[in-house]
């Protein structure tokens, strides 16, 4: 059976796909972390938006990887989730 992981592995052989995949890694990590933290706290996007002084649409765009957030916005969201922002270059 050809799985999603097989498809990704095959697609990563294409240099253009591989470049786009790597470029989306930061957005993916932000999205994954935000969703997990919000679910762990059992709050809605609307509730998180209120606590972070932003809109539900902004939270949705972050979770759907269609936003390019500022460090300031990430700090407000992290504070609302009782977390800290950690930026690391490797």
PDB file of N, CA and C in Angstrom:
ATOM      1  N   UNK A   1       0.845  -1.180   0.000  1.00  0.00           N
ATOM      2  CA  UNK A   1       0.000   0.000   0.000  1.00  0.00           C
ATOM      3  C   UNK A   1       0.890   1.243   0.000  1.00  0.00           C
ATOM      4  N   UNK A   2       0.614   2.148  -0.893  1.00  0.00           N
ATOM      5  CA  UNK A   2       1.369   3.390  -1.021  1.00  0.00           C
ATOM      6  C   UNK A   2       0.798   4.399  -0.027  1.00  0.00           C
ATOM      7  N   UNK A   3       1.588   4.790   0.952  1.00  0.00           N
ATOM      8  CA  UNK A   3       1.116   5.660   2.028  1.00  0.00           C
ATOM      9  C   UNK A   3       1.504   7.114   1.777  1.00  0.00           C
ATOM     10  N   UNK A   4       0.979   7.979   2.611  1.00  0.00           N
ATOM     11  CA  UNK A   4       1.350   9.390   2.548  1.00  0.00           C
ATOM     12  C   UNK A   4       2.843   9.555   2.777  1.00  0.00           C
ATOM     13  N   UNK A   5       3.388   8.815   3.722  1.00  0.00           N
ATOM     14  CA  UNK A   5       4.828   8.887   3.986  1.00  0.00           C
ATOM     15  C   UNK A   5       5.639   8.467   2.762  1.00  0.00           C
ATOM     16  N   UNK A   6       5.169   7.461   2.042  1.00  0.00           N
ATOM     17  CA  UNK A   6       5.835   7.044   0.803  1.00  0.00           C
ATOM     18  C   UNK A   6       5.802   8.173  -0.224  1.00  0.00           C
ATOM     19  N   UNK A   7       4.652   8.807  -0.342  1.00  0.00           N
ATOM     20  CA  UNK A   7       4.497   9.910  -1.295  1.00  0.00           C
ATOM     21  C   UNK A   7       5.438  11.064  -0.947  1.00  0.00           C
ATOM     22  N   UNK A   8       5.500  11.406   0.325  1.00  0.00           N
ATOM     23  CA  UNK A   8       6.391  12.489   0.756  1.00  0.00           C
ATOM     24  C   UNK A   8       7.840  12.120   0.472  1.00  0.00           C
ATOM     25  N   UNK A   9       8.209  10.905   0.803  1.00  0.00           N
ATOM     26  CA  UNK A   9       9.581  10.447   0.563  1.00  0.00           C
ATOM     27  C   UNK A   9       9.931  10.546  -0.920  1.00  0.00           C
ATOM     28  N   UNK A  10       9.030  10.109  -1.776  1.00  0.00           N
ATOM     29  CA  UNK A  10       9.262  10.201  -3.220  1.00  0.00           C
ATOM     30  C   UNK A  10       9.313  11.656  -3.683  1.00  0.00           C
ATOM     31  N   UNK A  11       8.412  12.463  -3.159  1.00  0.00           N
ATOM     32  CA  UNK A  11       8.356  13.874  -3.554  1.00  0.00           C
ATOM     33  C   UNK A  11       9.603  14.632  -3.143  1.00  0.00           C
ATOM     34  N   UNK A  12      10.197  14.245  -2.018  1.00  0.00           N
ATOM     35  CA  UNK A  12      11.404  14.928  -1.544  1.00  0.00           C
ATOM     36  C   UNK A  12      12.601  14.705  -2.469  1.00  0.00           C
ATOM     37  N   UNK A  13      12.484  13.805  -3.402  1.00  0.00           N
ATOM     38  CA  UNK A  13      13.539  13.606  -4.402  1.00  0.00           C
ATOM     39  C   UNK A  13      13.539  14.735  -5.433  1.00  0.00           C
ATOM     40  N   UNK A  14      12.418  15.437  -5.539  1.00  0.00           N
ATOM     41  CA  UNK A  14      12.302  16.581  -6.441  1.00  0.00           C
ATOM     42  C   UNK A  14      12.894  17.804  -5.740  1.00  0.00           C
ATOM     43  N   UNK A  15      13.941  18.437  -6.305  1.00  0.00           N
ATOM     44  CA  UNK A  15      14.607  19.565  -5.637  1.00  0.00           C
ATOM     45  C   UNK A  15      13.676  20.739  -5.315  1.00  0.00           C
ATOM     46  N   UNK A  16      12.736  21.042  -6.202  1.00  0.00           N
ATOM     47  CA  UNK A  16      11.809  22.151  -5.944  1.00  0.00           C
ATOM     48  C   UNK A  16      10.887  21.827  -4.778  1.00  0.00           C
ATOM     49  N   UNK A  17      10.374  20.602  -4.751  1.00  0.00           N
ATOM     50  CA  UNK A  17       9.513  20.186  -3.647  1.00  0.00           C
ATOM     51  C   UNK A  17      10.292  20.187  -2.338  1.00  0.00           C
ATOM     52  N   UNK A  18      11.509  19.670  -2.388  1.00  0.00           N
ATOM     53  CA  UNK A  18      12.340  19.598  -1.184  1.00  0.00           C
ATOM     54  C   UNK A  18      12.604  20.990  -0.624  1.00  0.00           C
ATOM     55  N   UNK A  19      12.864  21.956  -1.503  1.00  0.00           N
ATOM     56  CA  UNK A  19      13.109  23.333  -1.067  1.00  0.00           C
ATOM     57  C   UNK A  19      11.858  23.914  -0.406  1.00  0.00           C
ATOM     58  N   UNK A  20      10.707  23.742  -1.048  1.00  0.00           N
ATOM     59  CA  UNK A  20       9.449  24.247  -0.490  1.00  0.00           C
ATOM     60  C   UNK A  20       9.129  23.571   0.842  1.00  0.00           C
ATOM     61  N   UNK A  21       9.401  22.276   0.936  1.00  0.00           N
ATOM     62  CA  UNK A  21       9.161  21.517   2.176  1.00  0.00           C
ATOM     63  C   UNK A  21       9.983  22.108   3.316  1.00  0.00           C
ATOM     64  N   UNK A  22      11.267  22.353   3.051  1.00  0.00           N
ATOM     65  CA  UNK A  22      12.148  22.904   4.088  1.00  0.00           C
ATOM     66  C   UNK A  22      11.730  24.314   4.476  1.00  0.00           C
ATOM     67  N   UNK A  23      11.298  25.106   3.495  1.00  0.00           N
ATOM     68  CA  UNK A  23      10.896  26.482   3.770  1.00  0.00           C
ATOM     69  C   UNK A  23       9.633  26.554   4.619  1.00  0.00           C
ATOM     70  N   UNK A  24       8.810  25.532   4.587  1.00  0.00           N
ATOM     71  CA  UNK A  24       7.570  25.545   5.366  1.00  0.00           C
ATOM     72  C   UNK A  24       7.745  24.953   6.765  1.00  0.00           C
ATOM     73  N   UNK A  25       8.928  24.501   7.106  1.00  0.00           N
ATOM     74  CA  UNK A  25       9.155  23.832   8.392  1.00  0.00           C
ATOM     75  C   UNK A  25       8.862  24.745   9.585  1.00  0.00           C
ATOM     76  N   UNK A  26       9.267  26.004   9.513  1.00  0.00           N
ATOM     77  CA  UNK A  26       9.033  26.925  10.634  1.00  0.00           C
ATOM     78  C   UNK A  26       7.536  27.115  10.848  1.00  0.00           C
ATOM     79  N   UNK A  27       6.802  27.368   9.766  1.00  0.00           N
ATOM     80  CA  UNK A  27       5.359  27.547   9.882  1.00  0.00           C
ATOM     81  C   UNK A  27       4.701  26.283  10.445  1.00  0.00           C
ATOM     82  N   UNK A  28       5.169  25.129  10.001  1.00  0.00           N
ATOM     83  CA  UNK A  28       4.614  23.869  10.484  1.00  0.00           C
ATOM     84  C   UNK A  28       4.842  23.712  11.989  1.00  0.00           C
ATOM     85  N   UNK A  29       6.037  24.006  12.448  1.00  0.00           N
ATOM     86  CA  UNK A  29       6.343  23.870  13.876  1.00  0.00           C
ATOM     87  C   UNK A  29       5.508  24.837  14.711  1.00  0.00           C
ATOM     88  N   UNK A  30       5.342  26.072  14.222  1.00  0.00           N
ATOM     89  CA  UNK A  30       4.503  27.041  14.935  1.00  0.00           C
ATOM     90  C   UNK A  30       3.073  26.515  15.006  1.00  0.00           C
ATOM     91  N   UNK A  31       2.548  26.075  13.881  1.00  0.00           N
ATOM     92  CA  UNK A  31       1.182  25.567  13.821  1.00  0.00           C
ATOM     93  C   UNK A  31       0.983  24.381  14.758  1.00  0.00           C
ATOM     94  N   UNK A  32       1.867  23.416  14.656  1.00  0.00           N
ATOM     95  CA  UNK A  32       1.763  22.202  15.477  1.00  0.00           C
ATOM     96  C   UNK A  32       1.819  22.524  16.971  1.00  0.00           C
ATOM     97  N   UNK A  33       2.753  23.387  17.344  1.00  0.00           N
ATOM     98  CA  UNK A  33       2.916  23.754  18.751  1.00  0.00           C
ATOM     99  C   UNK A  33       1.703  24.519  19.262  1.00  0.00           C
ATOM    100  N   UNK A  34       1.213  25.458  18.458  1.00  0.00           N
ATOM    101  CA  UNK A  34       0.058  26.258  18.850  1.00  0.00           C
ATOM    102  C   UNK A  34      -1.182  25.384  19.037  1.00  0.00           C
ATOM    103  N   UNK A  35      -1.443  24.526  18.088  1.00  0.00           N
ATOM    104  CA  UNK A  35      -2.620  23.648  18.187  1.00  0.00           C
ATOM    105  C   UNK A  35      -2.520  22.748  19.416  1.00  0.00           C
ATOM    106  N   UNK A  36      -1.363  22.135  19.618  1.00  0.00           N
ATOM    107  CA  UNK A  36      -1.192  21.228  20.760  1.00  0.00           C
ATOM    108  C   UNK A  36      -1.376  21.960  22.087  1.00  0.00           C
ATOM    109  N   UNK A  37      -0.807  23.152  22.195  1.00  0.00           N
ATOM    110  CA  UNK A  37      -0.919  23.912  23.447  1.00  0.00           C
ATOM    111  C   UNK A  37      -2.357  24.358  23.693  1.00  0.00           C
ATOM    112  N   UNK A  38      -3.035  24.774  22.638  1.00  0.00           N
ATOM    113  CA  UNK A  38      -4.421  25.219  22.785  1.00  0.00           C
ATOM    114  C   UNK A  38      -5.323  24.051  23.173  1.00  0.00           C
ATOM    115  N   UNK A  39      -5.124  22.914  22.555  1.00  0.00           N
ATOM    116  CA  UNK A  39      -5.932  21.735  22.887  1.00  0.00           C
ATOM    117  C   UNK A  39      -5.637  21.272  24.315  1.00  0.00           C
ATOM    118  N   UNK A  40      -4.379  21.310  24.696  1.00  0.00           N
ATOM    119  CA  UNK A  40      -4.008  20.910  26.064  1.00  0.00           C
ATOM    120  C   UNK A  40      -4.713  21.781  27.099  1.00  0.00           C
ATOM    121  N   UNK A  41      -4.842  23.073  26.797  1.00  0.00           N
ATOM    122  CA  UNK A  41      -5.537  23.983  27.717  1.00  0.00           C
ATOM    123  C   UNK A  41      -7.050  23.912  27.583  1.00  0.00           C
ATOM    124  N   UNK A  42      -7.512  23.184  26.565  1.00  0.00           N
ATOM    125  CA  UNK A  42      -8.951  23.019  26.322  1.00  0.00           C
ATOM    126  C   UNK A  42      -9.649  24.353  26.092  1.00  0.00           C
ATOM    127  N   UNK A  43      -9.033  25.176  25.234  1.00  0.00           N
ATOM    128  CA  UNK A  43      -9.642  26.456  24.891  1.00  0.00           C
ATOM    129  C   UNK A  43      -9.828  26.542  23.377  1.00  0.00           C
ATOM    130  N   UNK A  44     -10.788  27.341  22.984  1.00  0.00           N
ATOM    131  CA  UNK A  44     -11.076  27.528  21.561  1.00  0.00           C
ATOM    132  C   UNK A  44     -10.127  28.567  20.961  1.00  0.00           C
ATOM    133  N   UNK A  45     -10.146  28.653  19.650  1.00  0.00           N
ATOM    134  CA  UNK A  45      -9.370  29.696  18.981  1.00  0.00           C
ATOM    135  C   UNK A  45      -9.841  31.067  19.457  1.00  0.00           C
ATOM    136  N   UNK A  46     -11.146  31.226  19.600  1.00  0.00           N
ATOM    137  CA  UNK A  46     -11.715  32.503  20.044  1.00  0.00           C
ATOM    138  C   UNK A  46     -11.219  32.865  21.445  1.00  0.00           C
ATOM    139  N   UNK A  47     -11.198  31.900  22.347  1.00  0.00           N
ATOM    140  CA  UNK A  47     -10.726  32.163  23.710  1.00  0.00           C
ATOM    141  C   UNK A  47      -9.245  32.521  23.722  1.00  0.00           C
ATOM    142  N   UNK A  48      -8.451  31.814  22.939  1.00  0.00           N
ATOM    143  CA  UNK A  48      -7.027  32.134  22.862  1.00  0.00           C
ATOM    144  C   UNK A  48      -6.827  33.522  22.273  1.00  0.00           C
ATOM    145  N   UNK A  49      -7.573  33.828  21.240  1.00  0.00           N
ATOM    146  CA  UNK A  49      -7.468  35.148  20.616  1.00  0.00           C
ATOM    147  C   UNK A  49      -7.772  36.250  21.630  1.00  0.00           C
ATOM    148  N   UNK A  50      -8.811  36.058  22.422  1.00  0.00           N
ATOM    149  CA  UNK A  50      -9.169  37.045  23.443  1.00  0.00           C
ATOM    150  C   UNK A  50      -8.028  37.225  24.444  1.00  0.00           C
ATOM    151  N   UNK A  51      -7.485  36.119  24.926  1.00  0.00           N
ATOM    152  CA  UNK A  51      -6.400  36.182  25.913  1.00  0.00           C
ATOM    153  C   UNK A  51      -5.126  36.789  25.333  1.00  0.00           C
ATOM    154  N   UNK A  52      -4.915  36.628  24.023  1.00  0.00           N
ATOM    155  CA  UNK A  52      -3.706  37.152  23.375  1.00  0.00           C
ATOM    156  C   UNK A  52      -3.951  38.526  22.744  1.00  0.00           C
ATOM    157  N   UNK A  53      -5.155  39.058  22.924  1.00  0.00           N
ATOM    158  CA  UNK A  53      -5.513  40.373  22.386  1.00  0.00           C
ATOM    159  C   UNK A  53      -5.342  40.421  20.863  1.00  0.00           C
ATOM    160  N   UNK A  54      -5.884  39.412  20.210  1.00  0.00           N
ATOM    161  CA  UNK A  54      -5.880  39.360  18.749  1.00  0.00           C
ATOM    162  C   UNK A  54      -7.233  38.820  18.312  1.00  0.00           C
ATOM    163  N   UNK A  55      -7.357  38.406  17.072  1.00  0.00           N
ATOM    164  CA  UNK A  55      -8.637  37.893  16.582  1.00  0.00           C
ATOM    165  C   UNK A  55      -8.572  36.383  16.358  1.00  0.00           C
ATOM    166  N   UNK A  56      -9.740  35.781  16.316  1.00  0.00           N
ATOM    167  CA  UNK A  56      -9.826  34.352  16.036  1.00  0.00           C
ATOM    168  C   UNK A  56      -9.268  34.060  14.652  1.00  0.00           C
ATOM    169  N   UNK A  57      -9.470  34.970  13.708  1.00  0.00           N
ATOM    170  CA  UNK A  57      -8.966  34.770  12.344  1.00  0.00           C
ATOM    171  C   UNK A  57      -7.442  34.668  12.325  1.00  0.00           C
ATOM    172  N   UNK A  58      -6.781  35.460  13.154  1.00  0.00           N
ATOM    173  CA  UNK A  58      -5.315  35.400  13.230  1.00  0.00           C
ATOM    174  C   UNK A  58      -4.877  34.039  13.761  1.00  0.00           C
ATOM    175  N   UNK A  59      -5.527  33.566  14.809  1.00  0.00           N
ATOM    176  CA  UNK A  59      -5.189  32.249  15.365  1.00  0.00           C
ATOM    177  C   UNK A  59      -5.434  31.166  14.313  1.00  0.00           C
ATOM    178  N   UNK A  60      -6.537  31.259  13.603  1.00  0.00           N
ATOM    179  CA  UNK A  60      -6.848  30.288  12.556  1.00  0.00           C
ATOM    180  C   UNK A  60      -5.780  30.292  11.466  1.00  0.00           C
ATOM    181  N   UNK A  61      -5.362  31.470  11.023  1.00  0.00           N
ATOM    182  CA  UNK A  61      -4.329  31.552   9.979  1.00  0.00           C
ATOM    183  C   UNK A  61      -3.011  30.963  10.465  1.00  0.00           C
ATOM    184  N   UNK A  62      -2.673  31.178  11.726  1.00  0.00           N
ATOM    185  CA  UNK A  62      -1.449  30.577  12.268  1.00  0.00           C
ATOM    186  C   UNK A  62      -1.555  29.055  12.278  1.00  0.00           C
ATOM    187  N   UNK A  63      -2.689  28.554  12.705  1.00  0.00           N
ATOM    188  CA  UNK A  63      -2.879  27.105  12.775  1.00  0.00           C
ATOM    189  C   UNK A  63      -2.940  26.470  11.386  1.00  0.00           C
ATOM    190  N   UNK A  64      -3.373  27.242  10.390  1.00  0.00           N
ATOM    191  CA  UNK A  64      -3.463  26.731   9.020  1.00  0.00           C
ATOM    192  C   UNK A  64      -2.234  27.071   8.184  1.00  0.00           C
ATOM    193  N   UNK A  65      -1.224  27.632   8.818  1.00  0.00           N
ATOM    194  CA  UNK A  65       0.054  27.960   8.168  1.00  0.00           C
ATOM    195  C   UNK A  65      -0.105  28.961   7.021  1.00  0.00           C
ATOM    196  N   UNK A  66      -1.035  29.907   7.170  1.00  0.00           N
ATOM    197  CA  UNK A  66      -1.220  30.917   6.132  1.00  0.00           C
ATOM    198  C   UNK A  66      -0.878  32.311   6.635  1.00  0.00           C
ATOM    199  N   UNK A  67      -0.168  32.390   7.746  1.00  0.00           N
ATOM    200  CA  UNK A  67       0.227  33.678   8.312  1.00  0.00           C
ATOM    201  C   UNK A  67       1.724  33.695   8.540  1.00  0.00           C
ATOM    202  N   UNK A  68       2.273  34.877   8.553  1.00  0.00           N
ATOM    203  CA  UNK A  68       3.692  35.077   8.830  1.00  0.00           C
ATOM    204  C   UNK A  68       3.769  35.949  10.087  1.00  0.00           C
ATOM    205  N   UNK A  69       3.716  35.335  11.268  1.00  0.00           N
ATOM    206  CA  UNK A  69       3.583  36.108  12.507  1.00  0.00           C
ATOM    207  C   UNK A  69       4.863  36.840  12.894  1.00  0.00           C
ATOM    208  N   UNK A  70       4.664  37.952  13.569  1.00  0.00           N
ATOM    209  CA  UNK A  70       5.801  38.678  14.134  1.00  0.00           C
ATOM    210  C   UNK A  70       6.211  38.005  15.438  1.00  0.00           C
ATOM    211  N   UNK A  71       7.407  38.313  15.871  1.00  0.00           N
ATOM    212  CA  UNK A  71       7.872  37.785  17.159  1.00  0.00           C
ATOM    213  C   UNK A  71       6.972  38.317  18.268  1.00  0.00           C
ATOM    214  N   UNK A  72       6.543  39.557  18.147  1.00  0.00           N
ATOM    215  CA  UNK A  72       5.653  40.140  19.150  1.00  0.00           C
ATOM    216  C   UNK A  72       4.348  39.375  19.280  1.00  0.00           C
ATOM    217  N   UNK A  73       3.763  39.001  18.153  1.00  0.00           N
ATOM    218  CA  UNK A  73       2.520  38.224  18.188  1.00  0.00           C
ATOM    219  C   UNK A  73       2.759  36.862  18.823  1.00  0.00           C
ATOM    220  N   UNK A  74       3.851  36.224  18.460  1.00  0.00           N
ATOM    221  CA  UNK A  74       4.167  34.924  19.061  1.00  0.00           C
ATOM    222  C   UNK A  74       4.342  35.054  20.570  1.00  0.00           C
ATOM    223  N   UNK A  75       4.941  36.147  21.015  1.00  0.00           N
ATOM    224  CA  UNK A  75       5.117  36.363  22.457  1.00  0.00           C
ATOM    225  C   UNK A  75       3.770  36.539  23.150  1.00  0.00           C
ATOM    226  N   UNK A  76       2.852  37.292  22.535  1.00  0.00           N
ATOM    227  CA  UNK A  76       1.528  37.481  23.134  1.00  0.00           C
ATOM    228  C   UNK A  76       0.774  36.157  23.233  1.00  0.00           C
ATOM    229  N   UNK A  77       0.869  35.363  22.192  1.00  0.00           N
ATOM    230  CA  UNK A  77       0.185  34.068  22.197  1.00  0.00           C
ATOM    231  C   UNK A  77       0.822  33.129  23.218  1.00  0.00           C
ATOM    232  N   UNK A  78       2.134  33.110  23.255  1.00  0.00           N
ATOM    233  CA  UNK A  78       2.830  32.260  24.232  1.00  0.00           C
ATOM    234  C   UNK A  78       2.450  32.656  25.652  1.00  0.00           C
ATOM    235  N   UNK A  79       2.402  33.948  25.917  1.00  0.00           N
ATOM    236  CA  UNK A  79       2.028  34.419  27.255  1.00  0.00           C
ATOM    237  C   UNK A  79       0.600  33.975  27.589  1.00  0.00           C
ATOM    238  N   UNK A  80      -0.296  34.068  26.626  1.00  0.00           N
ATOM    239  CA  UNK A  80      -1.678  33.644  26.854  1.00  0.00           C
ATOM    240  C   UNK A  80      -1.764  32.145  27.137  1.00  0.00           C
ATOM    241  N   UNK A  81      -0.810  31.382  26.611  1.00  0.00           N
ATOM    242  CA  UNK A  81      -0.779  29.930  26.822  1.00  0.00           C
ATOM    243  C   UNK A  81       0.142  29.521  27.970  1.00  0.00           C
ATOM    244  N   UNK A  82       0.678  30.508  28.692  1.00  0.00           N
ATOM    245  CA  UNK A  82       1.637  30.265  29.774  1.00  0.00           C
ATOM    246  C   UNK A  82       2.876  29.525  29.277  1.00  0.00           C
ATOM    247  N   UNK A  83       3.341  29.922  28.106  1.00  0.00           N
ATOM    248  CA  UNK A  83       4.535  29.344  27.497  1.00  0.00           C
ATOM    249  C   UNK A  83       5.543  30.451  27.217  1.00  0.00           C
ATOM    250  N   UNK A  84       6.719  30.061  26.777  1.00  0.00           N
ATOM    251  CA  UNK A  84       7.753  31.010  26.377  1.00  0.00           C
ATOM    252  C   UNK A  84       8.118  30.740  24.929  1.00  0.00           C
ATOM    253  N   UNK A  85       8.459  31.808  24.220  1.00  0.00           N
ATOM    254  CA  UNK A  85       8.939  31.661  22.845  1.00  0.00           C
ATOM    255  C   UNK A  85      10.424  31.343  22.904  1.00  0.00           C
ATOM    256  N   UNK A  86      10.812  30.333  22.153  1.00  0.00           N
ATOM    257  CA  UNK A  86      12.221  29.963  22.064  1.00  0.00           C
ATOM    258  C   UNK A  86      12.569  29.890  20.583  1.00  0.00           C
ATOM    259  N   UNK A  87      13.483  30.753  20.160  1.00  0.00           N
ATOM    260  CA  UNK A  87      13.931  30.760  18.769  1.00  0.00           C
ATOM    261  C   UNK A  87      15.334  30.192  18.744  1.00  0.00           C
ATOM    262  N   UNK A  88      15.530  29.229  17.873  1.00  0.00           N
ATOM    263  CA  UNK A  88      16.814  28.531  17.837  1.00  0.00           C
ATOM    264  C   UNK A  88      17.265  28.390  16.390  1.00  0.00           C
ATOM    265  N   UNK A  89      18.510  28.760  16.125  1.00  0.00           N
ATOM    266  CA  UNK A  89      19.096  28.575  14.802  1.00  0.00           C
ATOM    267  C   UNK A  89      20.005  27.359  14.857  1.00  0.00           C
ATOM    268  N   UNK A  90      19.911  26.521  13.858  1.00  0.00           N
ATOM    269  CA  UNK A  90      20.764  25.326  13.815  1.00  0.00           C
ATOM    270  C   UNK A  90      21.509  25.290  12.504  1.00  0.00           C
TER     271      UNK A  90
END
